[in-house]
Amino acid sequence: QVQLVESGGGLVQTGDSLRLSCVASGRTFSALAMGWFRQAPGKEREFVAGISRSGLSLDYADPVKGRFTISRDAAKNTVSLQMNSLKPEDTAVYYCAADVDAYYGGSRWSNYDYWGQGTQVTVSS
């Protein structure tokens, strides 16, 4: 069993930055591929960014490329999402996810086995 706890969400203005963090427990962190997803009201959950077990493979959804950066810190069992130049369309609940089976989880939410409770990000115009 893997527990994921997100933090760092909030209300910001267009152009501001936020840093989301997700602490994982219950399994060796280096054995987990990690990802961030988001879900806006009335929309399906969508992939934001993913990182492999080693941290060497990264992937981003097109809408966030160049603005968001995913990283992981093995010493702290933490995966982070640095979000810069935020836009109103980034408003959503952001979820951290863990894949215990693959080196890299990919962009499909069904690949991931465990999910955090979510953290709200609201960007005002």
C-alpha atoms as a PDB file:
ATOM      1  CA  GLN A   1       0.000   0.000   0.000  1.00  0.00           C
ATOM      2  CA  VAL A   2       1.249   3.444  -0.948  1.00  0.00           C
ATOM      3  CA  GLN A   3       0.079   6.654   0.677  1.00  0.00           C
ATOM      4  CA  LEU A   4       0.392   9.954  -1.180  1.00  0.00           C
ATOM      5  CA  VAL A   5      -0.154  13.337   0.438  1.00  0.00           C
ATOM      6  CA  GLU A   6      -0.162  16.496  -1.672  1.00  0.00           C
ATOM      7  CA  SER A   7       0.348  20.048  -0.508  1.00  0.00           C
ATOM      8  CA  GLY A   8       1.053  23.480  -1.926  1.00  0.00           C
ATOM      9  CA  GLY A   9      -2.147  24.412  -3.699  1.00  0.00           C
ATOM     10  CA  GLY A  10      -3.804  27.782  -3.345  1.00  0.00           C
ATOM     11  CA  LEU A  11      -5.284  30.870  -4.944  1.00  0.00           C
ATOM     12  CA  VAL A  12      -2.940  32.905  -7.133  1.00  0.00           C
ATOM     13  CA  GLN A  13      -3.131  35.449  -9.923  1.00  0.00           C
ATOM     14  CA  THR A  14      -2.287  35.028 -13.589  1.00  0.00           C
ATOM     15  CA  GLY A  15       1.460  34.888 -14.061  1.00  0.00           C
ATOM     16  CA  ASP A  16       2.220  33.763 -10.512  1.00  0.00           C
ATOM     17  CA  SER A  17       4.007  30.579  -9.482  1.00  0.00           C
ATOM     18  CA  LEU A  18       3.164  27.691  -7.182  1.00  0.00           C
ATOM     19  CA  ARG A  19       5.037  24.603  -6.095  1.00  0.00           C
ATOM     20  CA  LEU A  20       3.117  21.428  -5.377  1.00  0.00           C
ATOM     21  CA  SER A  21       4.645  18.642  -3.329  1.00  0.00           C
ATOM     22  CA  CYS A  22       3.643  15.029  -2.813  1.00  0.00           C
ATOM     23  CA  VAL A  23       5.117  12.862  -0.084  1.00  0.00           C
ATOM     24  CA  ALA A  24       4.985   9.108  -0.670  1.00  0.00           C
ATOM     25  CA  SER A  25       5.118   6.413   1.989  1.00  0.00           C
ATOM     26  CA  GLY A  26       4.531   2.697   2.245  1.00  0.00           C
ATOM     27  CA  ARG A  27       6.977   1.559  -0.400  1.00  0.00           C
ATOM     28  CA  THR A  28      10.543   2.281  -1.458  1.00  0.00           C
ATOM     29  CA  PHE A  29      10.320   5.608  -3.258  1.00  0.00           C
ATOM     30  CA  SER A  30      12.813   4.634  -5.950  1.00  0.00           C
ATOM     31  CA  ALA A  31      10.457   1.797  -6.963  1.00  0.00           C
ATOM     32  CA  LEU A  32       7.676   4.230  -7.845  1.00  0.00           C
ATOM     33  CA  ALA A  33       7.079   5.980 -11.141  1.00  0.00           C
ATOM     34  CA  MET A  34       5.253   9.206 -10.363  1.00  0.00           C
ATOM     35  CA  GLY A  35       2.894  11.521 -12.141  1.00  0.00           C
ATOM     36  CA  TRP A  36       0.774  14.611 -11.727  1.00  0.00           C
ATOM     37  CA  PHE A  37      -2.743  14.858 -13.119  1.00  0.00           C
ATOM     38  CA  ARG A  38      -5.412  17.520 -12.840  1.00  0.00           C
ATOM     39  CA  GLN A  39      -9.162  17.726 -13.101  1.00  0.00           C
ATOM     40  CA  ALA A  40     -11.154  20.883 -13.702  1.00  0.00           C
ATOM     41  CA  PRO A  41     -14.897  21.109 -12.979  1.00  0.00           C
ATOM     42  CA  GLY A  42     -16.892  19.327 -15.660  1.00  0.00           C
ATOM     43  CA  LYS A  43     -13.792  17.941 -17.352  1.00  0.00           C
ATOM     44  CA  GLU A  44     -12.013  14.620 -17.357  1.00  0.00           C
ATOM     45  CA  ARG A  45      -8.848  14.023 -15.410  1.00  0.00           C
ATOM     46  CA  GLU A  46      -5.849  14.871 -17.572  1.00  0.00           C
ATOM     47  CA  PHE A  47      -2.149  14.166 -17.516  1.00  0.00           C
ATOM     48  CA  VAL A  48       0.134  17.035 -16.513  1.00  0.00           C
ATOM     49  CA  ALA A  49       3.606  15.565 -16.034  1.00  0.00           C
ATOM     50  CA  GLY A  50       5.369  12.282 -15.348  1.00  0.00           C
ATOM     51  CA  ILE A  51       8.740  11.190 -14.043  1.00  0.00           C
ATOM     52  CA  SER A  52      10.410   7.803 -14.109  1.00  0.00           C
ATOM     53  CA  ARG A  53      11.733   5.880 -11.130  1.00  0.00           C
ATOM     54  CA  SER A  54      15.234   7.194 -11.688  1.00  0.00           C
ATOM     55  CA  GLY A  55      14.136  10.731 -12.470  1.00  0.00           C
ATOM     56  CA  LEU A  56      15.914  10.601 -15.804  1.00  0.00           C
ATOM     57  CA  SER A  57      12.794  10.367 -17.963  1.00  0.00           C
ATOM     58  CA  LEU A  58      10.383  13.280 -17.883  1.00  0.00           C
ATOM     59  CA  ASP A  59       7.254  14.047 -19.862  1.00  0.00           C
ATOM     60  CA  TYR A  60       4.811  16.943 -19.977  1.00  0.00           C
ATOM     61  CA  ALA A  61       1.432  17.645 -21.460  1.00  0.00           C
ATOM     62  CA  ASP A  62       1.583  20.193 -24.251  1.00  0.00           C
ATOM     63  CA  PRO A  63      -0.368  22.918 -22.373  1.00  0.00           C
ATOM     64  CA  VAL A  64       2.233  23.025 -19.579  1.00  0.00           C
ATOM     65  CA  LYS A  65       5.479  22.500 -21.489  1.00  0.00           C
ATOM     66  CA  GLY A  66       7.970  25.250 -20.749  1.00  0.00           C
ATOM     67  CA  ARG A  67       6.006  26.418 -17.689  1.00  0.00           C
ATOM     68  CA  PHE A  68       5.873  23.384 -15.359  1.00  0.00           C
ATOM     69  CA  THR A  69       8.743  21.268 -14.062  1.00  0.00           C
ATOM     70  CA  ILE A  70       8.426  17.908 -12.353  1.00  0.00           C
ATOM     71  CA  SER A  71      11.178  16.635 -10.070  1.00  0.00           C
ATOM     72  CA  ARG A  72      11.741  14.063  -7.372  1.00  0.00           C
ATOM     73  CA  ASP A  73      13.822  13.969  -4.207  1.00  0.00           C
ATOM     74  CA  ALA A  74      14.623  10.480  -3.006  1.00  0.00           C
ATOM     75  CA  ALA A  75      15.938  11.705   0.342  1.00  0.00           C
ATOM     76  CA  LYS A  76      12.550  13.245   1.118  1.00  0.00           C
ATOM     77  CA  ASN A  77      10.337  10.686  -0.702  1.00  0.00           C
ATOM     78  CA  THR A  78       8.859  13.639  -2.507  1.00  0.00           C
ATOM     79  CA  VAL A  79       7.799  14.483  -6.034  1.00  0.00           C
ATOM     80  CA  SER A  80       7.258  18.142  -6.817  1.00  0.00           C
ATOM     81  CA  LEU A  81       5.614  20.181  -9.537  1.00  0.00           C
ATOM     82  CA  GLN A  82       6.932  23.688 -10.018  1.00  0.00           C
ATOM     83  CA  MET A  83       4.317  25.720 -11.854  1.00  0.00           C
ATOM     84  CA  ASN A  84       5.305  29.053 -13.364  1.00  0.00           C
ATOM     85  CA  SER A  85       3.430  31.583 -15.485  1.00  0.00           C
ATOM     86  CA  LEU A  86       0.127  30.227 -14.291  1.00  0.00           C
ATOM     87  CA  LYS A  87      -2.989  30.826 -16.353  1.00  0.00           C
ATOM     88  CA  PRO A  88      -6.687  30.691 -15.460  1.00  0.00           C
ATOM     89  CA  GLU A  89      -6.990  27.511 -17.514  1.00  0.00           C
ATOM     90  CA  ASP A  90      -4.594  25.822 -15.079  1.00  0.00           C
ATOM     91  CA  THR A  91      -7.314  26.009 -12.438  1.00  0.00           C
ATOM     92  CA  ALA A  92      -8.065  22.465 -11.275  1.00  0.00           C
ATOM     93  CA  VAL A  93      -7.629  19.935  -8.532  1.00  0.00           C
ATOM     94  CA  TYR A  94      -4.138  18.494  -8.902  1.00  0.00           C
ATOM     95  CA  TYR A  95      -3.480  14.861  -8.043  1.00  0.00           C
ATOM     96  CA  CYS A  96      -0.258  13.011  -7.406  1.00  0.00           C
ATOM     97  CA  ALA A  97      -0.145   9.407  -8.622  1.00  0.00           C
ATOM     98  CA  ALA A  98       2.181   6.423  -8.267  1.00  0.00           C
ATOM     99  CA  ASP A  99       2.750   3.478 -10.589  1.00  0.00           C
ATOM    100  CA  VAL A 100       4.300   0.466  -8.853  1.00  0.00           C
ATOM    101  CA  ASP A 101       4.659  -1.713 -11.962  1.00  0.00           C
ATOM    102  CA  ALA A 102       6.530   0.315 -14.559  1.00  0.00           C
ATOM    103  CA  TYR A 103       9.780   2.248 -14.807  1.00  0.00           C
ATOM    104  CA  TYR A 104       7.734   5.131 -16.197  1.00  0.00           C
ATOM    105  CA  GLY A 105       3.991   5.450 -15.740  1.00  0.00           C
ATOM    106  CA  GLY A 106       3.137   7.384 -18.861  1.00  0.00           C
ATOM    107  CA  SER A 107       0.235   9.721 -19.506  1.00  0.00           C
ATOM    108  CA  ARG A 108      -2.722   7.387 -19.028  1.00  0.00           C
ATOM    109  CA  TRP A 109      -4.330   7.732 -15.618  1.00  0.00           C
ATOM    110  CA  SER A 110      -5.302   4.050 -15.670  1.00  0.00           C
ATOM    111  CA  ASN A 111      -1.614   3.101 -15.511  1.00  0.00           C
ATOM    112  CA  TYR A 112      -1.310   4.468 -12.005  1.00  0.00           C
ATOM    113  CA  ASP A 113      -2.119   2.419  -8.943  1.00  0.00           C
ATOM    114  CA  TYR A 114      -2.282   4.940  -6.117  1.00  0.00           C
ATOM    115  CA  TRP A 115      -3.586   8.481  -5.863  1.00  0.00           C
ATOM    116  CA  GLY A 116      -3.398  11.343  -3.428  1.00  0.00           C
ATOM    117  CA  GLN A 117      -6.413  13.240  -2.160  1.00  0.00           C
ATOM    118  CA  GLY A 118      -5.795  16.211  -4.448  1.00  0.00           C
ATOM    119  CA  THR A 119      -4.948  19.848  -3.879  1.00  0.00           C
ATOM    120  CA  GLN A 120      -6.867  22.785  -5.325  1.00  0.00           C
ATOM    121  CA  VAL A 121      -5.107  25.290  -7.570  1.00  0.00           C
ATOM    122  CA  THR A 122      -7.082  28.376  -8.534  1.00  0.00           C
ATOM    123  CA  VAL A 123      -5.671  31.004 -10.885  1.00  0.00           C
ATOM    124  CA  SER A 124      -7.586  34.263 -11.078  1.00  0.00           C
ATOM    125  CA  SER A 125      -7.477  36.518 -14.123  1.00  0.00           C
END
